[in-house]
Amino acid sequence: MIVQKDFLNKLKDFGLNSYESKLWVALLSRGVSTAGELSDISNVPRSRAYDVLESLEKKGFIIVKVGKPIKYLAVPPTEVIERVKKHISEEAEERAKILSHLHQSELLSELNTLHTVGIKLVDPTDRSGAFRGRDKAYDHLASMIKRAKKNITLMTSKEGIERKHELLGNHLKRAAKAGVEVRVSVPANVDRNLLDELNKFAKTRQHKNETARFCVVDDKELLLFLTDDKDVHKSYDCAVWIEAPYFVDYFSTLFDKEWKMK
């Protein structure tokens, strides 16, 4: 049986590996079949076929028919989707419960202690990193905002502030409520309604540079985007992070001078 590789790759969305995809597609094409027949038409080794079919049965993709030889019956794809959705929901709920329990456990306390001790041993020049992909950069940006104690300074593009308000707005509001000074510098073409929303929890200024994008936290951490977000897909958006108080404080001083001139 010849099946397009791209088609089989799409079946990963069902949570299937390569062998599982091949055997399931083979069974769908036959309706009912034996392990040997499915192995032959799918090019899955017979030594693996039974294990893989057992895995598919556990996942709810196939039904094992009683009798000799053992035969397998395909479950309709629409039914499979419902089963997969249910399984994913149950698994996510179970993991959420485990993580909630861990949040209050001694294990987390011990892990935090290890991290605290480990950080003290890190050479200051090692406290830096690079991110490729906007989602990864924003995840780190959220972490920076959540651990802010004194101040948060943001300079961003028009599109950037719209994203940050949607993805980081709640974090920024909580920081402001906790007494952290939040300053946001945005281009002059930002929507007025959005600016009014920002002014509820942050001090805002408008600047002429429409491409600069960075965030400074507590004058010691800096996340700097290296690309123009209008010209690059989010998967290729790049940023660097550095925790170097002396350098970042100098960077903050330059920003403060421009901020006071507005």
Protein backbone atom coordinates (compact mmCIF):
# COMPACT_ATOMS: atom_id res chain seq x y z
CA MET A 1 0.00 0.00 0.00
CA ILE A 2 1.49 3.36 -1.05
CA VAL A 3 0.60 6.26 1.22
CA GLN A 4 1.99 9.77 0.90
CA LYS A 5 4.56 10.59 3.59
CA ASP A 6 2.91 13.98 4.20
CA PHE A 7 -0.38 12.23 4.86
CA LEU A 8 1.20 9.94 7.44
CA ASN A 9 2.95 12.89 9.10
CA LYS A 10 -0.40 14.61 9.57
CA LEU A 11 -1.56 11.64 11.64
CA LYS A 12 0.85 12.76 14.36
CA ASP A 13 -1.97 15.10 15.35
CA PHE A 14 -3.82 11.97 16.46
CA GLY A 15 -0.92 11.12 18.75
CA LEU A 16 0.38 8.29 16.56
CA ASN A 17 3.96 7.37 15.77
CA SER A 18 5.11 6.18 12.32
CA TYR A 19 4.32 2.48 12.76
CA GLU A 20 0.96 3.19 14.40
CA SER A 21 0.00 5.52 11.55
CA LYS A 22 0.92 2.97 8.89
CA LEU A 23 -0.97 0.09 10.52
CA TRP A 24 -4.05 2.19 11.25
CA VAL A 25 -4.22 3.49 7.68
CA ALA A 26 -3.76 -0.06 6.41
CA LEU A 27 -6.58 -1.33 8.60
CA LEU A 28 -8.86 1.54 7.55
CA SER A 29 -8.30 0.51 3.95
CA ARG A 30 -9.22 -3.11 4.70
CA GLY A 31 -11.88 -2.75 7.40
CA VAL A 32 -10.98 -6.08 9.02
CA SER A 33 -7.61 -7.80 8.81
CA THR A 34 -4.99 -9.94 10.56
CA ALA A 35 -1.67 -8.72 11.93
CA GLY A 36 0.20 -10.55 9.18
CA GLU A 37 -1.83 -9.01 6.40
CA LEU A 38 -1.50 -5.55 7.88
CA SER A 39 2.24 -6.00 8.27
CA ASP A 40 2.58 -6.94 4.61
CA ILE A 41 0.58 -4.04 3.19
CA SER A 42 1.98 -1.38 5.57
CA ASN A 43 5.66 -2.43 5.49
CA VAL A 44 5.74 -2.60 9.28
CA PRO A 45 7.95 -5.52 10.45
CA ARG A 46 5.94 -8.49 11.72
CA SER A 47 8.09 -8.53 14.84
CA ARG A 48 6.61 -5.13 15.73
CA ALA A 49 3.10 -5.45 14.32
CA TYR A 50 1.48 -7.15 17.32
CA ASP A 51 2.93 -4.65 19.84
CA VAL A 52 1.87 -1.71 17.70
CA LEU A 53 -1.63 -3.09 17.18
CA GLU A 54 -1.93 -3.62 20.93
CA SER A 55 -0.98 0.03 21.41
CA LEU A 56 -3.63 1.13 18.89
CA GLU A 57 -6.21 -0.99 20.69
CA LYS A 58 -5.38 0.65 24.03
CA LYS A 59 -5.68 4.08 22.42
CA GLY A 60 -9.12 3.20 21.05
CA PHE A 61 -8.24 3.21 17.36
CA ILE A 62 -9.02 -0.44 16.68
CA ILE A 63 -11.06 -3.32 18.08
CA VAL A 64 -9.69 -6.85 18.56
CA LYS A 65 -12.06 -9.49 17.20
CA VAL A 66 -12.40 -12.73 19.15
CA GLY A 67 -11.36 -15.86 17.25
CA LYS A 68 -8.50 -17.55 15.45
CA PRO A 69 -6.65 -16.11 13.77
CA ILE A 70 -6.93 -12.85 15.72
CA LYS A 71 -8.35 -10.12 13.51
CA TYR A 72 -8.64 -6.39 13.96
CA LEU A 73 -11.51 -4.06 13.17
CA ALA A 74 -11.01 -0.36 12.45
CA VAL A 75 -12.88 2.21 14.53
CA PRO A 76 -14.42 5.01 12.37
CA PRO A 77 -12.14 8.08 12.27
CA THR A 78 -14.89 10.41 13.53
CA GLU A 79 -15.26 8.23 16.62
CA VAL A 80 -11.49 8.13 17.04
CA ILE A 81 -11.36 11.93 17.12
CA GLU A 82 -13.89 12.02 19.96
CA ARG A 83 -11.90 9.39 21.87
CA VAL A 84 -8.63 11.29 21.36
CA LYS A 85 -10.25 14.54 22.51
CA LYS A 86 -11.59 12.84 25.62
CA HIS A 87 -8.24 11.23 26.37
CA ILE A 88 -6.35 14.51 25.96
CA SER A 89 -8.83 16.34 28.22
CA GLU A 90 -8.60 13.68 30.91
CA GLU A 91 -4.81 13.60 30.70
CA ALA A 92 -4.56 17.40 30.88
CA GLU A 93 -6.89 17.49 33.89
CA GLU A 94 -4.85 14.80 35.64
CA ARG A 95 -1.58 16.60 34.97
CA ALA A 96 -3.06 19.87 36.21
CA LYS A 97 -4.00 18.15 39.48
CA ILE A 98 -0.49 16.74 39.84
CA LEU A 99 1.10 20.13 39.18
CA SER A 100 -1.25 21.83 41.65
CA HIS A 101 -0.22 19.29 44.26
CA LEU A 102 3.47 19.79 43.44
CA HIS A 103 3.07 23.54 43.83
CA GLN A 104 2.46 23.00 47.55
CA SER A 105 4.84 20.07 48.00
CA GLU A 106 8.24 19.72 49.63
CA LEU A 107 9.62 18.63 46.26
CA LEU A 108 9.10 22.11 44.78
CA SER A 109 10.71 23.66 47.86
CA GLU A 110 13.74 21.42 47.44
CA LEU A 111 13.95 22.19 43.70
CA ASN A 112 13.81 25.94 44.42
CA THR A 113 16.57 25.54 47.01
CA LEU A 114 18.73 23.72 44.47
CA HIS A 115 18.11 26.48 41.93
CA THR A 116 18.93 29.23 44.44
CA VAL A 117 22.18 27.54 45.41
CA GLY A 118 23.00 26.83 41.77
CA ILE A 119 22.45 30.44 40.69
CA LYS A 120 25.00 31.61 43.28
CA LEU A 121 27.59 29.41 41.60
CA VAL A 122 26.90 30.73 38.10
CA ASP A 123 29.49 33.03 36.60
CA PRO A 124 27.85 36.44 35.91
CA THR A 125 28.93 36.18 32.27
CA ASP A 126 26.77 33.06 31.94
CA ARG A 127 23.56 34.86 32.89
CA SER A 128 22.49 35.43 29.31
CA GLY A 129 20.66 33.62 26.55
CA ALA A 130 19.17 33.84 23.09
CA PHE A 131 15.65 33.05 21.90
CA ARG A 132 14.54 32.15 18.40
CA GLY A 133 10.79 32.34 18.06
CA ARG A 134 8.50 35.00 19.50
CA ASP A 135 6.60 32.58 21.72
CA LYS A 136 9.78 31.54 23.54
CA ALA A 137 10.84 35.16 23.98
CA TYR A 138 7.42 36.10 25.36
CA ASP A 139 7.49 33.17 27.78
CA HIS A 140 10.76 34.49 29.19
CA LEU A 141 9.44 38.03 29.15
CA ALA A 142 6.49 36.89 31.28
CA SER A 143 8.90 35.30 33.76
CA MET A 144 10.89 38.52 33.98
CA ILE A 145 7.74 40.55 34.66
CA LYS A 146 6.54 38.12 37.32
CA ARG A 147 9.78 38.37 39.28
CA ALA A 148 10.01 42.17 39.06
CA LYS A 149 10.38 43.89 42.44
CA LYS A 150 10.94 47.56 41.63
CA ASN A 151 10.37 48.58 38.03
CA ILE A 152 9.52 47.39 34.55
CA THR A 153 10.40 49.43 31.46
CA LEU A 154 9.00 48.51 28.04
CA MET A 155 9.69 50.08 24.67
CA THR A 156 7.89 48.42 21.80
CA SER A 157 6.35 48.73 18.36
CA LYS A 158 2.69 49.32 17.54
CA GLU A 159 2.13 45.62 16.84
CA GLY A 160 4.27 44.71 19.83
CA ILE A 161 2.23 46.63 22.37
CA GLU A 162 -0.97 45.10 21.02
CA ARG A 163 0.49 41.63 21.55
CA LYS A 164 1.92 42.48 24.95
CA HIS A 165 -1.35 43.94 26.16
CA GLU A 166 -3.12 40.72 25.16
CA LEU A 167 -0.50 38.22 26.35
CA LEU A 168 1.22 40.05 29.21
CA GLY A 169 -1.39 42.59 30.30
CA ASN A 170 -2.52 40.62 33.37
CA HIS A 171 1.09 40.08 34.50
CA LEU A 172 1.80 43.80 34.15
CA LYS A 173 -1.36 44.72 36.05
CA ARG A 174 -0.48 42.37 38.91
CA ALA A 175 3.04 43.81 39.04
CA ALA A 176 1.67 47.37 39.18
CA LYS A 177 -0.78 46.36 41.91
CA ALA A 178 2.13 44.94 43.90
CA GLY A 179 3.89 48.33 43.79
CA VAL A 180 6.16 47.81 40.79
CA GLU A 181 6.56 50.92 38.64
CA VAL A 182 5.55 50.11 35.06
CA ARG A 183 6.65 52.39 32.23
CA VAL A 184 5.70 51.82 28.62
CA SER A 185 7.05 53.71 25.63
CA VAL A 186 5.08 53.24 22.41
CA PRO A 187 5.02 54.75 18.89
CA ALA A 188 2.80 57.74 18.15
CA ASN A 189 0.49 55.67 15.95
CA VAL A 190 -0.77 53.41 18.77
CA ASP A 191 -4.55 53.16 19.09
CA ARG A 192 -5.89 55.73 21.56
CA ASN A 193 -8.18 53.25 23.28
CA LEU A 194 -5.26 50.91 23.91
CA LEU A 195 -3.23 53.80 25.29
CA ASP A 196 -6.06 54.63 27.69
CA GLU A 197 -6.07 51.00 28.88
CA LEU A 198 -2.33 51.11 29.49
CA ASN A 199 -2.62 54.35 31.45
CA LYS A 200 -4.79 52.57 34.01
CA PHE A 201 -1.78 50.71 35.40
CA ALA A 202 1.31 52.16 33.73
CA LYS A 203 3.02 55.42 32.89
CA THR A 204 3.16 55.87 29.13
CA ARG A 205 5.16 57.94 26.69
CA GLN A 206 5.13 58.06 22.90
CA HIS A 207 8.34 57.86 20.88
CA LYS A 208 9.31 58.28 17.22
CA ASN A 209 11.21 55.00 16.83
CA GLU A 210 8.66 52.46 15.58
CA THR A 211 10.94 49.40 15.63
CA ALA A 212 12.79 49.44 18.97
CA ARG A 213 11.65 46.59 21.23
CA PHE A 214 13.10 45.81 24.63
CA CYS A 215 12.21 45.29 28.27
CA VAL A 216 14.25 46.16 31.35
CA VAL A 217 13.34 44.75 34.77
CA ASP A 218 14.69 46.11 38.07
CA ASP A 219 17.61 47.73 36.18
CA LYS A 220 19.40 44.37 36.07
CA GLU A 221 17.66 42.25 33.39
CA LEU A 222 17.29 43.16 29.72
CA LEU A 223 15.42 41.37 26.94
CA LEU A 224 16.22 42.94 23.56
CA PHE A 225 14.54 41.94 20.30
CA LEU A 226 16.91 41.95 17.33
CA THR A 227 14.42 42.00 14.47
CA ASP A 228 11.73 44.24 13.06
CA ASP A 229 8.46 42.46 13.86
CA LYS A 230 6.83 43.83 10.71
CA ASP A 231 9.40 42.09 8.48
CA VAL A 232 9.78 38.71 10.15
CA HIS A 233 7.50 35.76 10.88
CA LYS A 234 7.04 35.12 14.58
CA SER A 235 8.90 31.80 14.24
CA TYR A 236 12.05 33.70 13.23
CA ASP A 237 11.72 36.62 15.63
CA CYS A 238 14.91 36.78 17.70
CA ALA A 239 15.76 38.20 21.10
CA VAL A 240 18.68 38.15 23.53
CA TRP A 241 18.46 38.21 27.31
CA ILE A 242 21.14 39.37 29.67
CA GLU A 243 21.29 39.77 33.42
CA ALA A 244 24.18 42.15 34.00
CA PRO A 245 23.27 44.95 36.44
CA TYR A 246 26.11 47.30 35.48
CA PHE A 247 25.39 47.14 31.75
CA VAL A 248 21.60 47.16 32.11
CA ASP A 249 21.71 50.05 34.58
CA TYR A 250 23.63 52.10 32.01
CA PHE A 251 21.06 51.12 29.37
CA SER A 252 18.28 52.21 31.76
CA THR A 253 20.01 55.54 32.40
CA LEU A 254 20.00 56.34 28.68
CA PHE A 255 16.32 55.47 28.48
CA ASP A 256 15.54 57.60 31.57
CA LYS A 257 17.11 60.66 29.93
CA GLU A 258 14.93 60.25 26.84
CA TRP A 259 11.87 59.53 29.00
CA LYS A 260 12.28 62.80 30.96
CA MET A 261 12.63 64.81 27.75
CA LYS A 262 9.10 63.90 26.59
